[in-house]
Structures are given as C-alpha cells and as structure tokens.
All heavy atoms as atom14 arrays in JSON, in Angstrom:
{
  "sequence": "GVFRVSLGSVTAFSTNIDWNQSVLWLSVNFNGDGEMGPYVRLSAAPY",
  "atom14_mask": [
    [1, 1, 1, 1, 0, 0, 0, 0, 0, 0, 0, 0, 0, 0],
    [1, 1, 1, 1, 1, 1, 1, 0, 0, 0, 0, 0, 0, 0],
    [1, 1, 1, 1, 1, 1, 1, 1, 1, 1, 1, 0, 0, 0],
    [1, 1, 1, 1, 1, 1, 1, 1, 1, 1, 1, 0, 0, 0],
    [1, 1, 1, 1, 1, 1, 1, 0, 0, 0, 0, 0, 0, 0],
    [1, 1, 1, 1, 1, 1, 0, 0, 0, 0, 0, 0, 0, 0],
    [1, 1, 1, 1, 1, 1, 1, 1, 0, 0, 0, 0, 0, 0],
    [1, 1, 1, 1, 0, 0, 0, 0, 0, 0, 0, 0, 0, 0],
    [1, 1, 1, 1, 1, 1, 0, 0, 0, 0, 0, 0, 0, 0],
    [1, 1, 1, 1, 1, 1, 1, 0, 0, 0, 0, 0, 0, 0],
    [1, 1, 1, 1, 1, 1, 1, 0, 0, 0, 0, 0, 0, 0],
    [1, 1, 1, 1, 1, 0, 0, 0, 0, 0, 0, 0, 0, 0],
    [1, 1, 1, 1, 1, 1, 1, 1, 1, 1, 1, 0, 0, 0],
    [1, 1, 1, 1, 1, 1, 0, 0, 0, 0, 0, 0, 0, 0],
    [1, 1, 1, 1, 1, 1, 1, 0, 0, 0, 0, 0, 0, 0],
    [1, 1, 1, 1, 1, 1, 1, 1, 0, 0, 0, 0, 0, 0],
    [1, 1, 1, 1, 1, 1, 1, 1, 0, 0, 0, 0, 0, 0],
    [1, 1, 1, 1, 1, 1, 1, 1, 0, 0, 0, 0, 0, 0],
    [1, 1, 1, 1, 1, 1, 1, 1, 1, 1, 1, 1, 1, 1],
    [1, 1, 1, 1, 1, 1, 1, 1, 0, 0, 0, 0, 0, 0],
    [1, 1, 1, 1, 1, 1, 1, 1, 1, 0, 0, 0, 0, 0],
    [1, 1, 1, 1, 1, 1, 0, 0, 0, 0, 0, 0, 0, 0],
    [1, 1, 1, 1, 1, 1, 1, 0, 0, 0, 0, 0, 0, 0],
    [1, 1, 1, 1, 1, 1, 1, 1, 0, 0, 0, 0, 0, 0],
    [1, 1, 1, 1, 1, 1, 1, 1, 1, 1, 1, 1, 1, 1],
    [1, 1, 1, 1, 1, 1, 1, 1, 0, 0, 0, 0, 0, 0],
    [1, 1, 1, 1, 1, 1, 0, 0, 0, 0, 0, 0, 0, 0],
    [1, 1, 1, 1, 1, 1, 1, 0, 0, 0, 0, 0, 0, 0],
    [1, 1, 1, 1, 1, 1, 1, 1, 0, 0, 0, 0, 0, 0],
    [1, 1, 1, 1, 1, 1, 1, 1, 1, 1, 1, 0, 0, 0],
    [1, 1, 1, 1, 1, 1, 1, 1, 0, 0, 0, 0, 0, 0],
    [1, 1, 1, 1, 0, 0, 0, 0, 0, 0, 0, 0, 0, 0],
    [1, 1, 1, 1, 1, 1, 1, 1, 0, 0, 0, 0, 0, 0],
    [1, 1, 1, 1, 0, 0, 0, 0, 0, 0, 0, 0, 0, 0],
    [1, 1, 1, 1, 1, 1, 1, 1, 1, 0, 0, 0, 0, 0],
    [1, 1, 1, 1, 1, 1, 1, 1, 0, 0, 0, 0, 0, 0],
    [1, 1, 1, 1, 0, 0, 0, 0, 0, 0, 0, 0, 0, 0],
    [1, 1, 1, 1, 1, 1, 1, 0, 0, 0, 0, 0, 0, 0],
    [1, 1, 1, 1, 1, 1, 1, 1, 1, 1, 1, 1, 0, 0],
    [1, 1, 1, 1, 1, 1, 1, 0, 0, 0, 0, 0, 0, 0],
    [1, 1, 1, 1, 1, 1, 1, 1, 1, 1, 1, 0, 0, 0],
    [1, 1, 1, 1, 1, 1, 1, 1, 0, 0, 0, 0, 0, 0],
    [1, 1, 1, 1, 1, 1, 0, 0, 0, 0, 0, 0, 0, 0],
    [1, 1, 1, 1, 1, 0, 0, 0, 0, 0, 0, 0, 0, 0],
    [1, 1, 1, 1, 1, 0, 0, 0, 0, 0, 0, 0, 0, 0],
    [1, 1, 1, 1, 1, 1, 1, 0, 0, 0, 0, 0, 0, 0],
    [1, 1, 1, 1, 1, 1, 1, 1, 1, 1, 1, 1, 0, 0]
  ],
  "atom14_positions": [
    [[-51.62, -5.9, 25.15], [-51.25, -4.57, 24.84], [-51.25, -4.1, 23.43], [-51.18, -2.96, 23.09], [0.0, 0.0, 0.0], [0.0, 0.0, 0.0], [0.0, 0.0, 0.0], [0.0, 0.0, 0.0], [0.0, 0.0, 0.0], [0.0, 0.0, 0.0], [0.0, 0.0, 0.0], [0.0, 0.0, 0.0], [0.0, 0.0, 0.0], [0.0, 0.0, 0.0]],
    [[-51.57, -5.08, 22.45], [-51.54, -4.73, 21.08], [-52.99, -4.53, 20.51], [-53.88, -5.28, 20.91], [-50.85, -5.87, 20.22], [-50.91, -5.61, 18.76], [-49.4, -6.03, 20.74], [0.0, 0.0, 0.0], [0.0, 0.0, 0.0], [0.0, 0.0, 0.0], [0.0, 0.0, 0.0], [0.0, 0.0, 0.0], [0.0, 0.0, 0.0], [0.0, 0.0, 0.0]],
    [[-53.14, -3.51, 19.79], [-54.41, -3.22, 19.08], [-54.23, -3.08, 17.57], [-53.13, -2.68, 17.11], [-55.1, -2.02, 19.64], [-54.49, -0.71, 19.25], [-54.85, 0.04, 18.2], [-53.42, -0.2, 20.01], [-54.26, 1.25, 17.89], [-52.86, 0.98, 19.79], [-53.19, 1.71, 18.63], [0.0, 0.0, 0.0], [0.0, 0.0, 0.0], [0.0, 0.0, 0.0]],
    [[-55.23, -3.35, 16.82], [-55.23, -3.18, 15.36], [-56.57, -2.63, 14.96], [-57.58, -3.06, 15.4], [-55.06, -4.54, 14.65], [-53.71, -5.19, 14.86], [-53.72, -6.62, 14.18], [-52.54, -7.35, 14.62], [-52.5, -8.12, 15.74], [-53.59, -8.17, 16.52], [-51.41, -8.73, 16.08], [0.0, 0.0, 0.0], [0.0, 0.0, 0.0], [0.0, 0.0, 0.0]],
    [[-56.52, -1.6, 14.1], [-57.75, -0.91, 13.64], [-57.61, -0.66, 12.12], [-56.54, -0.52, 11.62], [-58.11, 0.38, 14.39], [-58.39, 0.12, 15.79], [-56.92, 1.36, 14.23], [0.0, 0.0, 0.0], [0.0, 0.0, 0.0], [0.0, 0.0, 0.0], [0.0, 0.0, 0.0], [0.0, 0.0, 0.0], [0.0, 0.0, 0.0], [0.0, 0.0, 0.0]],
    [[-58.79, -0.63, 11.46], [-58.87, -0.14, 10.07], [-59.48, 1.2, 10.16], [-60.72, 1.35, 10.25], [-59.73, -1.1, 9.25], [-59.16, -2.32, 9.03], [0.0, 0.0, 0.0], [0.0, 0.0, 0.0], [0.0, 0.0, 0.0], [0.0, 0.0, 0.0], [0.0, 0.0, 0.0], [0.0, 0.0, 0.0], [0.0, 0.0, 0.0], [0.0, 0.0, 0.0]],
    [[-58.66, 2.23, 10.11], [-59.06, 3.6, 10.18], [-59.86, 3.91, 8.94], [-59.56, 3.53, 7.87], [-57.88, 4.58, 10.26], [-56.99, 4.39, 11.44], [-55.82, 5.29, 11.41], [-57.74, 4.6, 12.77], [0.0, 0.0, 0.0], [0.0, 0.0, 0.0], [0.0, 0.0, 0.0], [0.0, 0.0, 0.0], [0.0, 0.0, 0.0], [0.0, 0.0, 0.0]],
    [[-61.0, 4.54, 9.15], [-61.95, 4.88, 8.02], [-63.05, 3.89, 7.95], [-64.02, 4.1, 7.2], [0.0, 0.0, 0.0], [0.0, 0.0, 0.0], [0.0, 0.0, 0.0], [0.0, 0.0, 0.0], [0.0, 0.0, 0.0], [0.0, 0.0, 0.0], [0.0, 0.0, 0.0], [0.0, 0.0, 0.0], [0.0, 0.0, 0.0], [0.0, 0.0, 0.0]],
    [[-63.1, 2.84, 8.77], [-64.17, 1.87, 8.68], [-65.4, 2.32, 9.52], [-66.53, 1.81, 9.25], [-63.59, 0.43, 9.21], [-63.29, 0.52, 10.57], [0.0, 0.0, 0.0], [0.0, 0.0, 0.0], [0.0, 0.0, 0.0], [0.0, 0.0, 0.0], [0.0, 0.0, 0.0], [0.0, 0.0, 0.0], [0.0, 0.0, 0.0], [0.0, 0.0, 0.0]],
    [[-65.15, 3.22, 10.48], [-66.31, 3.71, 11.27], [-66.74, 5.03, 10.7], [-67.9, 5.32, 10.5], [-65.91, 3.74, 12.79], [-67.01, 4.5, 13.51], [-65.69, 2.36, 13.3], [0.0, 0.0, 0.0], [0.0, 0.0, 0.0], [0.0, 0.0, 0.0], [0.0, 0.0, 0.0], [0.0, 0.0, 0.0], [0.0, 0.0, 0.0], [0.0, 0.0, 0.0]],
    [[-65.8, 5.87, 10.5], [-66.01, 7.25, 9.84], [-65.2, 7.36, 8.63], [-63.94, 7.36, 8.7], [-65.56, 8.41, 10.86], [-66.29, 8.16, 12.11], [-65.91, 9.68, 10.3], [0.0, 0.0, 0.0], [0.0, 0.0, 0.0], [0.0, 0.0, 0.0], [0.0, 0.0, 0.0], [0.0, 0.0, 0.0], [0.0, 0.0, 0.0], [0.0, 0.0, 0.0]],
    [[-65.88, 7.38, 7.49], [-65.16, 7.47, 6.14], [-64.25, 8.77, 6.2], [-64.53, 9.75, 6.79], [-66.15, 7.53, 4.99], [0.0, 0.0, 0.0], [0.0, 0.0, 0.0], [0.0, 0.0, 0.0], [0.0, 0.0, 0.0], [0.0, 0.0, 0.0], [0.0, 0.0, 0.0], [0.0, 0.0, 0.0], [0.0, 0.0, 0.0], [0.0, 0.0, 0.0]],
    [[-63.12, 8.57, 5.51], [-62.23, 9.71, 5.3], [-62.87, 10.84, 4.58], [-63.58, 10.58, 3.6], [-60.92, 9.35, 4.67], [-60.05, 8.42, 5.45], [-59.8, 7.13, 5.0], [-59.5, 8.86, 6.63], [-58.99, 6.31, 5.77], [-58.7, 7.97, 7.37], [-58.41, 6.73, 6.92], [0.0, 0.0, 0.0], [0.0, 0.0, 0.0], [0.0, 0.0, 0.0]],
    [[-62.73, 12.04, 5.05], [-63.36, 13.21, 4.38], [-62.52, 13.58, 3.19], [-61.38, 13.19, 3.01], [-63.33, 14.39, 5.37], [-62.04, 14.7, 5.79], [0.0, 0.0, 0.0], [0.0, 0.0, 0.0], [0.0, 0.0, 0.0], [0.0, 0.0, 0.0], [0.0, 0.0, 0.0], [0.0, 0.0, 0.0], [0.0, 0.0, 0.0], [0.0, 0.0, 0.0]],
    [[-63.25, 14.18, 2.24], [-62.69, 14.57, 0.96], [-61.69, 15.78, 1.08], [-60.99, 16.0, 0.19], [-63.76, 14.91, -0.04], [-64.58, 15.92, 0.45], [-64.68, 13.74, -0.38], [0.0, 0.0, 0.0], [0.0, 0.0, 0.0], [0.0, 0.0, 0.0], [0.0, 0.0, 0.0], [0.0, 0.0, 0.0], [0.0, 0.0, 0.0], [0.0, 0.0, 0.0]],
    [[-61.71, 16.38, 2.28], [-60.75, 17.48, 2.45], [-59.36, 17.08, 2.82], [-58.49, 17.95, 3.13], [-61.35, 18.57, 3.32], [-61.44, 18.12, 4.82], [-61.32, 16.85, 5.07], [-61.6, 18.93, 5.72], [0.0, 0.0, 0.0], [0.0, 0.0, 0.0], [0.0, 0.0, 0.0], [0.0, 0.0, 0.0], [0.0, 0.0, 0.0], [0.0, 0.0, 0.0]],
    [[-59.06, 15.8, 2.95], [-57.74, 15.36, 3.23], [-56.98, 15.22, 1.93], [-57.32, 14.67, 1.03], [-57.7, 13.9, 3.91], [-58.44, 13.96, 5.31], [-56.21, 13.47, 4.12], [-58.55, 12.62, 5.92], [0.0, 0.0, 0.0], [0.0, 0.0, 0.0], [0.0, 0.0, 0.0], [0.0, 0.0, 0.0], [0.0, 0.0, 0.0], [0.0, 0.0, 0.0]],
    [[-55.88, 16.0, 1.81], [-54.96, 15.98, 0.74], [-53.95, 14.87, 0.89], [-52.95, 15.08, 1.56], [-54.32, 17.32, 0.49], [-53.41, 17.32, -0.68], [-53.39, 16.42, -1.48], [-52.7, 18.38, -0.88], [0.0, 0.0, 0.0], [0.0, 0.0, 0.0], [0.0, 0.0, 0.0], [0.0, 0.0, 0.0], [0.0, 0.0, 0.0], [0.0, 0.0, 0.0]],
    [[-54.2, 13.68, 0.39], [-53.26, 12.53, 0.55], [-52.0, 12.75, -0.22], [-51.02, 12.06, 0.02], [-53.97, 11.26, 0.12], [-55.17, 10.92, 0.93], [-56.48, 10.99, 0.56], [-55.19, 10.4, 2.3], [-57.31, 10.54, 1.6], [-56.5, 10.25, 2.64], [-54.18, 10.08, 3.16], [-56.85, 9.71, 3.89], [-54.51, 9.53, 4.42], [-55.93, 9.45, 4.78]],
    [[-52.0, 13.68, -1.15], [-50.87, 13.87, -2.05], [-49.96, 15.0, -1.5], [-49.66, 15.99, -2.2], [-51.34, 14.16, -3.46], [-50.24, 14.09, -4.47], [-49.25, 13.42, -4.22], [-50.39, 14.8, -5.55], [0.0, 0.0, 0.0], [0.0, 0.0, 0.0], [0.0, 0.0, 0.0], [0.0, 0.0, 0.0], [0.0, 0.0, 0.0], [0.0, 0.0, 0.0]],
    [[-49.65, 14.88, -0.27], [-48.63, 15.83, 0.34], [-47.95, 15.15, 1.53], [-48.25, 14.06, 1.84], [-49.36, 17.1, 0.8], [-50.6, 16.89, 1.66], [-50.29, 17.12, 3.17], [-49.41, 17.81, 3.49], [-50.9, 16.39, 4.03], [0.0, 0.0, 0.0], [0.0, 0.0, 0.0], [0.0, 0.0, 0.0], [0.0, 0.0, 0.0], [0.0, 0.0, 0.0]],
    [[-46.9, 15.74, 2.02], [-46.02, 15.0, 2.86], [-46.13, 15.15, 4.34], [-45.53, 14.57, 5.11], [-44.58, 15.38, 2.54], [-44.36, 16.75, 2.8], [0.0, 0.0, 0.0], [0.0, 0.0, 0.0], [0.0, 0.0, 0.0], [0.0, 0.0, 0.0], [0.0, 0.0, 0.0], [0.0, 0.0, 0.0], [0.0, 0.0, 0.0], [0.0, 0.0, 0.0]],
    [[-47.08, 16.0, 4.84], [-47.2, 16.23, 6.22], [-48.62, 16.0, 6.78], [-49.33, 16.81, 6.88], [-46.67, 17.75, 6.63], [-46.66, 17.86, 8.1], [-45.35, 17.99, 5.98], [0.0, 0.0, 0.0], [0.0, 0.0, 0.0], [0.0, 0.0, 0.0], [0.0, 0.0, 0.0], [0.0, 0.0, 0.0], [0.0, 0.0, 0.0], [0.0, 0.0, 0.0]],
    [[-48.82, 14.69, 7.08], [-50.05, 14.31, 7.69], [-49.67, 13.52, 9.01], [-48.74, 12.7, 9.03], [-50.81, 13.35, 6.79], [-51.51, 13.98, 5.6], [-52.09, 12.92, 4.69], [-52.54, 15.05, 5.93], [0.0, 0.0, 0.0], [0.0, 0.0, 0.0], [0.0, 0.0, 0.0], [0.0, 0.0, 0.0], [0.0, 0.0, 0.0], [0.0, 0.0, 0.0]],
    [[-50.4, 13.83, 10.04], [-50.07, 13.27, 11.34], [-51.37, 12.51, 11.95], [-52.44, 13.02, 11.81], [-49.69, 14.41, 12.37], [-48.55, 15.25, 11.98], [-48.57, 16.42, 11.28], [-47.18, 14.89, 12.25], [-47.33, 16.83, 11.11], [-46.43, 15.97, 11.66], [-46.55, 13.91, 12.86], [-45.03, 16.01, 11.75], [-45.13, 13.88, 12.87], [-44.44, 14.95, 12.34]],
    [[-51.11, 11.45, 12.6], [-52.17, 10.7, 13.27], [-52.02, 10.83, 14.77], [-50.9, 10.64, 15.29], [-52.08, 9.17, 12.87], [-53.1, 8.3, 13.57], [-54.48, 8.56, 13.16], [-52.7, 6.8, 13.3], [0.0, 0.0, 0.0], [0.0, 0.0, 0.0], [0.0, 0.0, 0.0], [0.0, 0.0, 0.0], [0.0, 0.0, 0.0], [0.0, 0.0, 0.0]],
    [[-53.09, 11.26, 15.4], [-53.05, 11.25, 16.89], [-54.01, 10.14, 17.45], [-54.96, 9.74, 16.8], [-53.53, 12.59, 17.4], [-54.92, 12.72, 17.36], [0.0, 0.0, 0.0], [0.0, 0.0, 0.0], [0.0, 0.0, 0.0], [0.0, 0.0, 0.0], [0.0, 0.0, 0.0], [0.0, 0.0, 0.0], [0.0, 0.0, 0.0], [0.0, 0.0, 0.0]],
    [[-53.66, 9.68, 18.61], [-54.41, 8.58, 19.23], [-54.74, 9.11, 20.7], [-53.93, 9.54, 21.42], [-53.6, 7.31, 19.33], [-54.42, 6.17, 20.06], [-53.17, 6.88, 17.98], [0.0, 0.0, 0.0], [0.0, 0.0, 0.0], [0.0, 0.0, 0.0], [0.0, 0.0, 0.0], [0.0, 0.0, 0.0], [0.0, 0.0, 0.0], [0.0, 0.0, 0.0]],
    [[-56.06, 8.88, 20.98], [-56.56, 9.2, 22.31], [-57.07, 7.94, 22.9], [-58.04, 7.44, 22.49], [-57.6, 10.29, 22.28], [-58.17, 10.69, 23.65], [-58.02, 9.91, 24.65], [-58.83, 11.82, 23.7], [0.0, 0.0, 0.0], [0.0, 0.0, 0.0], [0.0, 0.0, 0.0], [0.0, 0.0, 0.0], [0.0, 0.0, 0.0], [0.0, 0.0, 0.0]],
    [[-56.35, 7.37, 23.92], [-56.72, 6.16, 24.48], [-57.6, 6.33, 25.8], [-57.2, 6.94, 26.72], [-55.45, 5.35, 24.9], [-55.72, 4.05, 25.68], [-56.34, 3.02, 25.07], [-55.42, 4.0, 27.02], [-56.52, 1.84, 25.68], [-55.7, 2.85, 27.69], [-56.19, 1.75, 27.09], [0.0, 0.0, 0.0], [0.0, 0.0, 0.0], [0.0, 0.0, 0.0]],
    [[-58.77, 5.75, 25.73], [-59.66, 5.69, 26.88], [-59.96, 7.1, 27.48], [-60.1, 7.2, 28.75], [-59.09, 4.73, 27.89], [-60.13, 3.87, 28.46], [-61.25, 3.67, 27.88], [-59.91, 3.32, 29.68], [0.0, 0.0, 0.0], [0.0, 0.0, 0.0], [0.0, 0.0, 0.0], [0.0, 0.0, 0.0], [0.0, 0.0, 0.0], [0.0, 0.0, 0.0]],
    [[-59.99, 8.11, 26.67], [-60.31, 9.45, 27.18], [-59.17, 10.12, 27.92], [-59.38, 11.2, 28.62], [0.0, 0.0, 0.0], [0.0, 0.0, 0.0], [0.0, 0.0, 0.0], [0.0, 0.0, 0.0], [0.0, 0.0, 0.0], [0.0, 0.0, 0.0], [0.0, 0.0, 0.0], [0.0, 0.0, 0.0], [0.0, 0.0, 0.0], [0.0, 0.0, 0.0]],
    [[-57.98, 9.58, 27.84], [-56.86, 10.15, 28.62], [-56.18, 11.36, 27.9], [-55.21, 11.92, 28.36], [-55.74, 9.16, 28.88], [-56.19, 8.11, 29.91], [-57.16, 8.41, 30.6], [-55.67, 7.02, 29.88], [0.0, 0.0, 0.0], [0.0, 0.0, 0.0], [0.0, 0.0, 0.0], [0.0, 0.0, 0.0], [0.0, 0.0, 0.0], [0.0, 0.0, 0.0]],
    [[-56.68, 11.75, 26.73], [-56.11, 12.82, 25.98], [-55.22, 12.31, 24.89], [-54.77, 11.16, 24.94], [0.0, 0.0, 0.0], [0.0, 0.0, 0.0], [0.0, 0.0, 0.0], [0.0, 0.0, 0.0], [0.0, 0.0, 0.0], [0.0, 0.0, 0.0], [0.0, 0.0, 0.0], [0.0, 0.0, 0.0], [0.0, 0.0, 0.0], [0.0, 0.0, 0.0]],
    [[-54.94, 13.1, 23.93], [-54.06, 12.74, 22.79], [-52.67, 12.41, 23.23], [-52.04, 13.15, 24.07], [-54.03, 13.84, 21.68], [-55.34, 13.99, 20.88], [-55.28, 15.08, 19.92], [-55.14, 16.3, 20.4], [-55.38, 14.87, 18.74], [0.0, 0.0, 0.0], [0.0, 0.0, 0.0], [0.0, 0.0, 0.0], [0.0, 0.0, 0.0], [0.0, 0.0, 0.0]],
    [[-52.16, 11.3, 22.78], [-50.77, 10.92, 23.07], [-49.8, 11.57, 22.11], [-50.16, 11.84, 21.02], [-50.57, 9.4, 23.06], [-51.34, 8.61, 24.1], [-51.08, 6.86, 24.05], [-52.31, 6.35, 22.96], [0.0, 0.0, 0.0], [0.0, 0.0, 0.0], [0.0, 0.0, 0.0], [0.0, 0.0, 0.0], [0.0, 0.0, 0.0], [0.0, 0.0, 0.0]],
    [[-48.64, 11.91, 22.67], [-47.69, 12.57, 21.77], [-46.3, 11.92, 21.82], [-46.08, 11.13, 22.7], [0.0, 0.0, 0.0], [0.0, 0.0, 0.0], [0.0, 0.0, 0.0], [0.0, 0.0, 0.0], [0.0, 0.0, 0.0], [0.0, 0.0, 0.0], [0.0, 0.0, 0.0], [0.0, 0.0, 0.0], [0.0, 0.0, 0.0], [0.0, 0.0, 0.0]],
    [[-45.53, 12.19, 20.84], [-45.84, 12.99, 19.67], [-46.78, 12.26, 18.71], [-46.91, 11.03, 18.8], [-44.43, 13.28, 19.04], [-43.64, 12.08, 19.41], [-44.18, 11.64, 20.82], [0.0, 0.0, 0.0], [0.0, 0.0, 0.0], [0.0, 0.0, 0.0], [0.0, 0.0, 0.0], [0.0, 0.0, 0.0], [0.0, 0.0, 0.0], [0.0, 0.0, 0.0]],
    [[-47.38, 12.96, 17.83], [-48.16, 12.35, 16.8], [-47.41, 11.5, 15.91], [-46.19, 11.6, 15.84], [-48.92, 13.38, 15.96], [-49.8, 14.38, 16.63], [-49.97, 15.69, 16.18], [-50.48, 14.0, 17.86], [-50.83, 16.54, 16.81], [-51.32, 14.92, 18.52], [-51.42, 16.21, 18.01], [-52.25, 17.08, 18.66], [0.0, 0.0, 0.0], [0.0, 0.0, 0.0]],
    [[-48.09, 10.53, 15.24], [-47.41, 9.64, 14.34], [-47.52, 10.2, 12.88], [-48.56, 10.49, 12.38], [-48.09, 8.27, 14.31], [-47.45, 7.28, 13.34], [-48.08, 7.62, 15.72], [0.0, 0.0, 0.0], [0.0, 0.0, 0.0], [0.0, 0.0, 0.0], [0.0, 0.0, 0.0], [0.0, 0.0, 0.0], [0.0, 0.0, 0.0], [0.0, 0.0, 0.0]],
    [[-46.37, 10.42, 12.26], [-46.37, 10.96, 10.87], [-46.73, 9.78, 9.95], [-46.14, 8.73, 9.87], [-45.02, 11.55, 10.49], [-45.02, 12.23, 9.17], [-43.78, 13.0, 8.98], [-43.84, 13.75, 7.74], [-42.95, 14.47, 7.33], [-41.94, 14.73, 7.99], [-43.11, 15.27, 6.18], [0.0, 0.0, 0.0], [0.0, 0.0, 0.0], [0.0, 0.0, 0.0]],
    [[-47.74, 10.02, 9.06], [-48.17, 9.02, 8.09], [-47.14, 9.02, 6.96], [-46.67, 10.06, 6.51], [-49.56, 9.36, 7.57], [-50.69, 9.26, 8.61], [-51.97, 9.65, 7.95], [-50.76, 7.95, 9.25], [0.0, 0.0, 0.0], [0.0, 0.0, 0.0], [0.0, 0.0, 0.0], [0.0, 0.0, 0.0], [0.0, 0.0, 0.0], [0.0, 0.0, 0.0]],
    [[-46.91, 7.85, 6.51], [-45.89, 7.69, 5.34], [-46.5, 6.82, 4.23], [-47.58, 6.21, 4.46], [-44.54, 7.11, 5.87], [-44.84, 5.88, 6.46], [0.0, 0.0, 0.0], [0.0, 0.0, 0.0], [0.0, 0.0, 0.0], [0.0, 0.0, 0.0], [0.0, 0.0, 0.0], [0.0, 0.0, 0.0], [0.0, 0.0, 0.0], [0.0, 0.0, 0.0]],
    [[-45.83, 6.74, 3.17], [-46.32, 6.0, 1.97], [-46.51, 4.55, 2.32], [-45.79, 3.96, 3.16], [-45.33, 6.18, 0.83], [0.0, 0.0, 0.0], [0.0, 0.0, 0.0], [0.0, 0.0, 0.0], [0.0, 0.0, 0.0], [0.0, 0.0, 0.0], [0.0, 0.0, 0.0], [0.0, 0.0, 0.0], [0.0, 0.0, 0.0], [0.0, 0.0, 0.0]],
    [[-47.47, 3.93, 1.62], [-47.71, 2.5, 1.77], [-47.86, 1.93, 0.28], [-48.12, 2.61, -0.61], [-49.05, 2.26, 2.47], [0.0, 0.0, 0.0], [0.0, 0.0, 0.0], [0.0, 0.0, 0.0], [0.0, 0.0, 0.0], [0.0, 0.0, 0.0], [0.0, 0.0, 0.0], [0.0, 0.0, 0.0], [0.0, 0.0, 0.0], [0.0, 0.0, 0.0]],
    [[-47.58, 0.57, 0.25], [-47.59, 0.01, -1.15], [-48.94, 0.18, -1.89], [-49.01, 0.35, -3.03], [-47.33, -1.47, -0.91], [-46.6, -1.47, 0.44], [-47.14, -0.31, 1.19], [0.0, 0.0, 0.0], [0.0, 0.0, 0.0], [0.0, 0.0, 0.0], [0.0, 0.0, 0.0], [0.0, 0.0, 0.0], [0.0, 0.0, 0.0], [0.0, 0.0, 0.0]],
    [[-50.09, 0.17, -1.14], [-51.38, 0.24, -1.73], [-52.0, 1.58, -1.24], [-52.58, 1.64, -0.21], [-52.25, -0.93, -1.23], [-53.58, -1.02, -2.01], [-53.62, -1.27, -3.34], [-54.75, -0.88, -1.26], [-54.81, -1.31, -3.97], [-55.97, -1.02, -1.88], [-55.99, -1.25, -3.23], [-57.2, -1.35, -3.87], [0.0, 0.0, 0.0], [0.0, 0.0, 0.0]]
  ]
}
C-alpha cells in the first residue's frame, strides 16, 4: 500500500510556481479515479 515518488523527476517544476509563499497544495489522482481530497498542504523542508 506504500508508494514513494520524486515529484519533478518526470515533469520538471514550472517556473511559475512561487515557492516563497505559504499556500501550495498537492493533489493525487490514483489510477484515474479522480483527485483525492482534501489536498495535501505543502510545508517547509530542511533542503
């Protein structure tokens, strides 16, 4: 049941993402079943 991915390894992050702000959300669509909710709020990381 566990998966791990490196986001940005297949499609590079676009330059229009403002990483220097507080409200970014990640959505996941598993096997074409539609986006799962609620979205995951991205938070700061050490690197």
